[in-house]
Amino acid sequence: NQPSWNSLVEMKGVSTVVMTTLACELPELGKLSGKAISALVGVAPMNRESGSWQGHRRITGGRAVVRQALYMAALSACRYEPQLRHFFKSLKAKGKPGKVALVAVMRKMLVILNARKRDAEAMMASA
């Protein structure tokens, strides 16, 4: 099962610390959909509305240890991973606050890592 985890380190910002954290704290990685894994970690925006009152969407719940590791990885990825750097800059250009844009990068990283893990496991199973 090790090669499927090694495929995650190819993304800039994902170090052995992040990979180990994901392996220990998020064994569901690669088995759930992107939306489900984002909600499980707690980086999916949730509504808190009642009746006519409408507030802002916020991230809530989830696994704090994974979220902390993804935060540090997202800081690095915003600088060195071209796809995520462009995504972060486009959100900032639309007027999003920095932390909101960074959480969006965290969510996008998690969805990409989830897909890479799923694909690596599928390749191992077919080989």
N, C-alpha and C. Protein backbone atom coordinates (compact mmCIF):
# COMPACT_ATOMS: atom_id res chain seq x y z
N ASN A 1 0.81 -1.20 0.00
CA ASN A 1 0.00 0.00 0.00
C ASN A 1 0.85 1.26 0.00
N GLN A 2 2.14 1.12 0.22
CA GLN A 2 3.07 2.25 0.28
C GLN A 2 3.16 3.03 -1.03
N PRO A 3 3.23 2.41 -2.20
CA PRO A 3 3.34 3.19 -3.44
C PRO A 3 2.18 4.16 -3.66
N SER A 4 0.97 3.81 -3.21
CA SER A 4 -0.15 4.72 -3.40
C SER A 4 0.01 5.98 -2.55
N TRP A 5 0.66 5.88 -1.40
CA TRP A 5 0.92 7.06 -0.57
C TRP A 5 2.07 7.87 -1.13
N ASN A 6 3.05 7.20 -1.74
CA ASN A 6 4.19 7.92 -2.30
C ASN A 6 3.81 8.81 -3.47
N SER A 7 2.71 8.50 -4.13
CA SER A 7 2.28 9.33 -5.27
C SER A 7 1.82 10.71 -4.82
N LEU A 8 1.53 10.88 -3.53
CA LEU A 8 1.04 12.16 -3.03
C LEU A 8 2.16 13.19 -2.89
N VAL A 9 3.39 12.73 -2.70
CA VAL A 9 4.50 13.63 -2.45
C VAL A 9 4.90 14.40 -3.70
N GLU A 10 4.39 13.99 -4.86
CA GLU A 10 4.73 14.67 -6.11
C GLU A 10 4.22 16.10 -6.15
N MET A 11 3.19 16.42 -5.37
CA MET A 11 2.66 17.79 -5.34
C MET A 11 3.54 18.65 -4.45
N LYS A 12 3.91 19.82 -4.95
CA LYS A 12 4.73 20.73 -4.16
C LYS A 12 3.93 21.21 -2.95
N GLY A 13 4.56 21.18 -1.79
CA GLY A 13 3.89 21.54 -0.55
C GLY A 13 3.57 20.33 0.29
N VAL A 14 3.43 19.18 -0.34
CA VAL A 14 3.12 17.95 0.40
C VAL A 14 4.45 17.28 0.74
N SER A 15 4.76 17.30 2.03
CA SER A 15 6.00 16.70 2.50
C SER A 15 5.71 15.36 3.15
N THR A 16 6.73 14.75 3.69
CA THR A 16 6.53 13.47 4.39
C THR A 16 5.69 13.66 5.64
N VAL A 17 5.76 14.85 6.26
CA VAL A 17 4.95 15.12 7.45
C VAL A 17 3.46 15.13 7.07
N VAL A 18 3.13 15.82 5.99
CA VAL A 18 1.73 15.88 5.54
C VAL A 18 1.27 14.50 5.10
N MET A 19 2.12 13.78 4.38
CA MET A 19 1.76 12.44 3.93
C MET A 19 1.52 11.51 5.12
N THR A 20 2.36 11.59 6.13
CA THR A 20 2.20 10.76 7.32
C THR A 20 0.93 11.13 8.08
N THR A 21 0.66 12.41 8.18
CA THR A 21 -0.56 12.86 8.84
C THR A 21 -1.79 12.35 8.12
N LEU A 22 -1.79 12.43 6.80
CA LEU A 22 -2.92 11.93 6.03
C LEU A 22 -3.07 10.42 6.18
N ALA A 23 -1.95 9.71 6.18
CA ALA A 23 -2.01 8.25 6.30
C ALA A 23 -2.55 7.82 7.66
N CYS A 24 -2.16 8.53 8.71
CA CYS A 24 -2.58 8.14 10.07
C CYS A 24 -3.97 8.64 10.43
N GLU A 25 -4.25 9.88 10.08
CA GLU A 25 -5.49 10.52 10.54
C GLU A 25 -6.63 10.46 9.53
N LEU A 26 -6.33 10.10 8.28
CA LEU A 26 -7.36 10.10 7.24
C LEU A 26 -7.26 8.84 6.39
N PRO A 27 -7.56 7.67 6.97
CA PRO A 27 -7.47 6.43 6.19
C PRO A 27 -8.53 6.35 5.08
N GLU A 28 -9.52 7.23 5.12
CA GLU A 28 -10.57 7.24 4.10
C GLU A 28 -10.12 7.88 2.80
N LEU A 29 -8.93 8.48 2.78
CA LEU A 29 -8.44 9.17 1.59
C LEU A 29 -8.36 8.19 0.41
N GLY A 30 -8.96 8.57 -0.69
CA GLY A 30 -8.98 7.72 -1.88
C GLY A 30 -10.21 6.84 -1.98
N LYS A 31 -11.00 6.80 -0.92
CA LYS A 31 -12.19 5.94 -0.91
C LYS A 31 -13.50 6.73 -0.98
N LEU A 32 -13.45 8.02 -0.69
CA LEU A 32 -14.65 8.86 -0.68
C LEU A 32 -14.61 9.85 -1.85
N SER A 33 -15.74 10.49 -2.09
CA SER A 33 -15.79 11.53 -3.14
C SER A 33 -15.10 12.79 -2.63
N GLY A 34 -14.85 13.72 -3.53
CA GLY A 34 -14.20 14.96 -3.16
C GLY A 34 -15.00 15.77 -2.15
N LYS A 35 -16.31 15.83 -2.34
CA LYS A 35 -17.16 16.57 -1.41
C LYS A 35 -17.19 15.91 -0.03
N ALA A 36 -17.26 14.60 -0.02
CA ALA A 36 -17.33 13.88 1.25
C ALA A 36 -16.02 14.00 2.03
N ILE A 37 -14.89 13.90 1.35
CA ILE A 37 -13.60 13.99 2.04
C ILE A 37 -13.38 15.41 2.55
N SER A 38 -13.85 16.42 1.81
CA SER A 38 -13.72 17.81 2.26
C SER A 38 -14.56 18.06 3.50
N ALA A 39 -15.75 17.52 3.53
CA ALA A 39 -16.61 17.66 4.71
C ALA A 39 -16.03 16.91 5.90
N LEU A 40 -15.44 15.76 5.66
CA LEU A 40 -14.86 14.96 6.73
C LEU A 40 -13.68 15.67 7.39
N VAL A 41 -12.87 16.35 6.59
CA VAL A 41 -11.73 17.09 7.12
C VAL A 41 -12.17 18.42 7.73
N GLY A 42 -13.25 18.98 7.22
CA GLY A 42 -13.76 20.24 7.75
C GLY A 42 -13.33 21.44 6.95
N VAL A 43 -13.08 21.28 5.67
CA VAL A 43 -12.73 22.42 4.81
C VAL A 43 -13.83 22.73 3.81
N ALA A 44 -14.99 22.12 3.97
CA ALA A 44 -16.12 22.40 3.09
C ALA A 44 -16.97 23.51 3.74
N PRO A 45 -17.36 24.52 2.97
CA PRO A 45 -18.19 25.59 3.56
C PRO A 45 -19.58 25.08 3.91
N MET A 46 -20.03 25.41 5.11
CA MET A 46 -21.35 24.98 5.60
C MET A 46 -22.22 26.20 5.85
N ASN A 47 -23.49 26.10 5.51
CA ASN A 47 -24.44 27.18 5.77
C ASN A 47 -24.85 27.17 7.23
N ARG A 48 -25.05 28.36 7.78
CA ARG A 48 -25.68 28.51 9.09
C ARG A 48 -26.76 29.56 8.92
N GLU A 49 -27.90 29.13 8.42
CA GLU A 49 -28.99 30.04 8.14
C GLU A 49 -30.26 29.52 8.80
N SER A 50 -31.15 30.46 9.14
CA SER A 50 -32.41 30.08 9.75
C SER A 50 -33.46 31.11 9.35
N GLY A 51 -34.52 30.65 8.76
CA GLY A 51 -35.59 31.56 8.35
C GLY A 51 -35.10 32.58 7.35
N SER A 52 -35.32 33.85 7.67
CA SER A 52 -34.90 34.91 6.75
C SER A 52 -33.46 35.35 7.01
N TRP A 53 -32.86 34.88 8.11
CA TRP A 53 -31.49 35.26 8.42
C TRP A 53 -30.52 34.49 7.55
N GLN A 54 -29.63 35.23 6.89
CA GLN A 54 -28.62 34.60 6.05
C GLN A 54 -27.25 35.10 6.49
N GLY A 55 -26.38 34.16 6.80
CA GLY A 55 -25.03 34.51 7.22
C GLY A 55 -24.01 34.08 6.20
N HIS A 56 -22.76 34.12 6.60
CA HIS A 56 -21.68 33.69 5.73
C HIS A 56 -21.47 32.19 5.91
N ARG A 57 -20.99 31.56 4.86
CA ARG A 57 -20.63 30.15 4.98
C ARG A 57 -19.30 30.05 5.70
N ARG A 58 -19.20 29.04 6.56
CA ARG A 58 -17.97 28.85 7.32
C ARG A 58 -17.58 27.39 7.29
N ILE A 59 -16.29 27.14 7.47
CA ILE A 59 -15.86 25.75 7.63
C ILE A 59 -16.08 25.40 9.08
N THR A 60 -16.45 24.17 9.34
CA THR A 60 -16.74 23.76 10.71
C THR A 60 -16.52 22.27 10.87
N GLY A 61 -16.21 21.87 12.09
CA GLY A 61 -16.06 20.45 12.41
C GLY A 61 -14.85 19.83 11.73
N GLY A 62 -14.88 18.55 11.62
CA GLY A 62 -13.83 17.85 10.91
C GLY A 62 -12.64 17.50 11.77
N ARG A 63 -11.59 17.07 11.14
CA ARG A 63 -10.38 16.61 11.81
C ARG A 63 -9.35 17.73 11.82
N ALA A 64 -9.15 18.30 12.99
CA ALA A 64 -8.30 19.48 13.13
C ALA A 64 -6.85 19.18 12.79
N VAL A 65 -6.35 18.02 13.13
CA VAL A 65 -4.95 17.68 12.87
C VAL A 65 -4.68 17.68 11.37
N VAL A 66 -5.59 17.12 10.60
CA VAL A 66 -5.43 17.09 9.14
C VAL A 66 -5.54 18.50 8.58
N ARG A 67 -6.47 19.27 9.12
CA ARG A 67 -6.65 20.64 8.64
C ARG A 67 -5.41 21.49 8.91
N GLN A 68 -4.77 21.30 10.06
CA GLN A 68 -3.56 22.04 10.38
C GLN A 68 -2.41 21.67 9.43
N ALA A 69 -2.29 20.39 9.14
CA ALA A 69 -1.23 19.96 8.22
C ALA A 69 -1.50 20.50 6.81
N LEU A 70 -2.76 20.49 6.38
CA LEU A 70 -3.10 21.01 5.05
C LEU A 70 -2.88 22.52 4.97
N TYR A 71 -3.08 23.22 6.08
CA TYR A 71 -2.88 24.67 6.09
C TYR A 71 -1.43 25.00 5.74
N MET A 72 -0.50 24.33 6.41
CA MET A 72 0.91 24.59 6.16
C MET A 72 1.31 24.18 4.74
N ALA A 73 0.75 23.06 4.28
CA ALA A 73 1.04 22.62 2.92
C ALA A 73 0.48 23.60 1.89
N ALA A 74 -0.70 24.16 2.17
CA ALA A 74 -1.32 25.11 1.25
C ALA A 74 -0.52 26.40 1.16
N LEU A 75 0.08 26.83 2.27
CA LEU A 75 0.92 28.02 2.23
C LEU A 75 2.07 27.84 1.24
N SER A 76 2.69 26.67 1.30
CA SER A 76 3.79 26.38 0.40
C SER A 76 3.31 26.17 -1.03
N ALA A 77 2.19 25.48 -1.19
CA ALA A 77 1.66 25.20 -2.53
C ALA A 77 1.22 26.47 -3.24
N CYS A 78 0.71 27.45 -2.50
CA CYS A 78 0.31 28.72 -3.11
C CYS A 78 1.49 29.44 -3.73
N ARG A 79 2.66 29.10 -3.26
CA ARG A 79 3.86 29.76 -3.76
C ARG A 79 4.56 28.97 -4.87
N TYR A 80 4.55 27.64 -4.76
CA TYR A 80 5.39 26.84 -5.65
C TYR A 80 4.64 25.92 -6.61
N GLU A 81 3.38 25.62 -6.39
CA GLU A 81 2.60 24.75 -7.28
C GLU A 81 1.86 25.65 -8.27
N PRO A 82 2.22 25.62 -9.57
CA PRO A 82 1.64 26.57 -10.53
C PRO A 82 0.12 26.57 -10.59
N GLN A 83 -0.49 25.41 -10.61
CA GLN A 83 -1.95 25.32 -10.71
C GLN A 83 -2.63 25.97 -9.50
N LEU A 84 -2.13 25.68 -8.31
CA LEU A 84 -2.73 26.22 -7.10
C LEU A 84 -2.39 27.69 -6.91
N ARG A 85 -1.22 28.12 -7.37
CA ARG A 85 -0.85 29.53 -7.29
C ARG A 85 -1.81 30.36 -8.15
N HIS A 86 -2.10 29.87 -9.36
CA HIS A 86 -3.03 30.57 -10.24
C HIS A 86 -4.43 30.61 -9.62
N PHE A 87 -4.86 29.51 -9.02
CA PHE A 87 -6.18 29.44 -8.38
C PHE A 87 -6.26 30.44 -7.23
N PHE A 88 -5.23 30.50 -6.40
CA PHE A 88 -5.20 31.43 -5.27
C PHE A 88 -5.24 32.87 -5.75
N LYS A 89 -4.44 33.21 -6.76
CA LYS A 89 -4.40 34.57 -7.27
C LYS A 89 -5.72 34.96 -7.91
N SER A 90 -6.39 34.02 -8.58
CA SER A 90 -7.68 34.34 -9.20
C SER A 90 -8.75 34.63 -8.14
N LEU A 91 -8.70 33.89 -7.02
CA LEU A 91 -9.65 34.15 -5.94
C LEU A 91 -9.38 35.51 -5.30
N LYS A 92 -8.12 35.84 -5.11
CA LYS A 92 -7.76 37.14 -4.54
C LYS A 92 -8.18 38.27 -5.49
N ALA A 93 -8.05 38.05 -6.80
CA ALA A 93 -8.44 39.06 -7.78
C ALA A 93 -9.95 39.29 -7.77
N LYS A 94 -10.71 38.26 -7.40
CA LYS A 94 -12.17 38.40 -7.31
C LYS A 94 -12.60 39.09 -6.02
N GLY A 95 -11.63 39.39 -5.14
CA GLY A 95 -11.96 40.12 -3.91
C GLY A 95 -12.11 39.25 -2.68
N LYS A 96 -11.76 37.98 -2.78
CA LYS A 96 -11.86 37.10 -1.61
C LYS A 96 -10.76 37.45 -0.60
N PRO A 97 -11.07 37.38 0.69
CA PRO A 97 -10.03 37.59 1.70
C PRO A 97 -8.97 36.48 1.62
N GLY A 98 -7.77 36.78 2.10
CA GLY A 98 -6.66 35.83 2.00
C GLY A 98 -6.93 34.49 2.65
N LYS A 99 -7.51 34.50 3.85
CA LYS A 99 -7.78 33.23 4.55
C LYS A 99 -8.83 32.41 3.83
N VAL A 100 -9.82 33.06 3.26
CA VAL A 100 -10.86 32.35 2.51
C VAL A 100 -10.24 31.69 1.28
N ALA A 101 -9.38 32.42 0.59
CA ALA A 101 -8.72 31.88 -0.59
C ALA A 101 -7.80 30.73 -0.20
N LEU A 102 -7.13 30.84 0.95
CA LEU A 102 -6.23 29.77 1.40
C LEU A 102 -7.00 28.51 1.76
N VAL A 103 -8.16 28.66 2.39
CA VAL A 103 -8.99 27.48 2.71
C VAL A 103 -9.50 26.84 1.42
N ALA A 104 -9.80 27.64 0.42
CA ALA A 104 -10.21 27.09 -0.88
C ALA A 104 -9.07 26.30 -1.51
N VAL A 105 -7.83 26.78 -1.35
CA VAL A 105 -6.66 26.05 -1.85
C VAL A 105 -6.50 24.74 -1.07
N MET A 106 -6.73 24.78 0.25
CA MET A 106 -6.65 23.56 1.06
C MET A 106 -7.65 22.51 0.55
N ARG A 107 -8.86 22.97 0.27
CA ARG A 107 -9.90 22.05 -0.21
C ARG A 107 -9.53 21.48 -1.57
N LYS A 108 -9.01 22.33 -2.45
CA LYS A 108 -8.62 21.87 -3.79
C LYS A 108 -7.46 20.88 -3.69
N MET A 109 -6.49 21.16 -2.81
CA MET A 109 -5.38 20.22 -2.59
C MET A 109 -5.90 18.87 -2.13
N LEU A 110 -6.83 18.90 -1.18
CA LEU A 110 -7.36 17.65 -0.63
C LEU A 110 -8.10 16.85 -1.70
N VAL A 111 -8.85 17.52 -2.55
CA VAL A 111 -9.58 16.84 -3.62
C VAL A 111 -8.58 16.23 -4.62
N ILE A 112 -7.52 16.96 -4.95
CA ILE A 112 -6.51 16.45 -5.87
C ILE A 112 -5.79 15.25 -5.26
N LEU A 113 -5.41 15.35 -3.98
CA LEU A 113 -4.72 14.25 -3.31
C LEU A 113 -5.62 13.03 -3.20
N ASN A 114 -6.90 13.25 -2.96
CA ASN A 114 -7.87 12.16 -2.89
C ASN A 114 -7.94 11.43 -4.24
N ALA A 115 -7.98 12.19 -5.33
CA ALA A 115 -8.05 11.58 -6.66
C ALA A 115 -6.76 10.83 -7.00
N ARG A 116 -5.62 11.41 -6.63
CA ARG A 116 -4.34 10.74 -6.90
C ARG A 116 -4.23 9.43 -6.13
N LYS A 117 -4.67 9.44 -4.89
CA LYS A 117 -4.61 8.22 -4.07
C LYS A 117 -5.55 7.16 -4.65
N ARG A 118 -6.74 7.57 -5.05
CA ARG A 118 -7.70 6.64 -5.65
C ARG A 118 -7.14 6.03 -6.93
N ASP A 119 -6.55 6.86 -7.79
CA ASP A 119 -5.99 6.37 -9.05
C ASP A 119 -4.79 5.44 -8.81
N ALA A 120 -3.96 5.77 -7.82
CA ALA A 120 -2.79 4.92 -7.54
C ALA A 120 -3.24 3.55 -7.02
N GLU A 121 -4.28 3.54 -6.19
CA GLU A 121 -4.79 2.26 -5.70
C GLU A 121 -5.42 1.45 -6.81
N ALA A 122 -6.09 2.13 -7.75
CA ALA A 122 -6.70 1.41 -8.88
C ALA A 122 -5.63 0.81 -9.78
N MET A 123 -4.52 1.54 -9.97
CA MET A 123 -3.44 1.01 -10.81
C MET A 123 -2.77 -0.19 -10.14
N MET A 124 -2.63 -0.12 -8.81
CA MET A 124 -2.02 -1.24 -8.08
C MET A 124 -2.91 -2.47 -8.14
N ALA A 125 -4.22 -2.25 -8.07
CA ALA A 125 -5.16 -3.37 -8.09
C ALA A 125 -5.19 -4.05 -9.46
N SER A 126 -5.03 -3.25 -10.53
CA SER A 126 -5.07 -3.83 -11.88
C SER A 126 -3.75 -4.47 -12.28
N ALA A 127 -2.68 -4.11 -11.59
CA ALA A 127 -1.36 -4.66 -11.96
C ALA A 127 -1.12 -6.03 -11.37
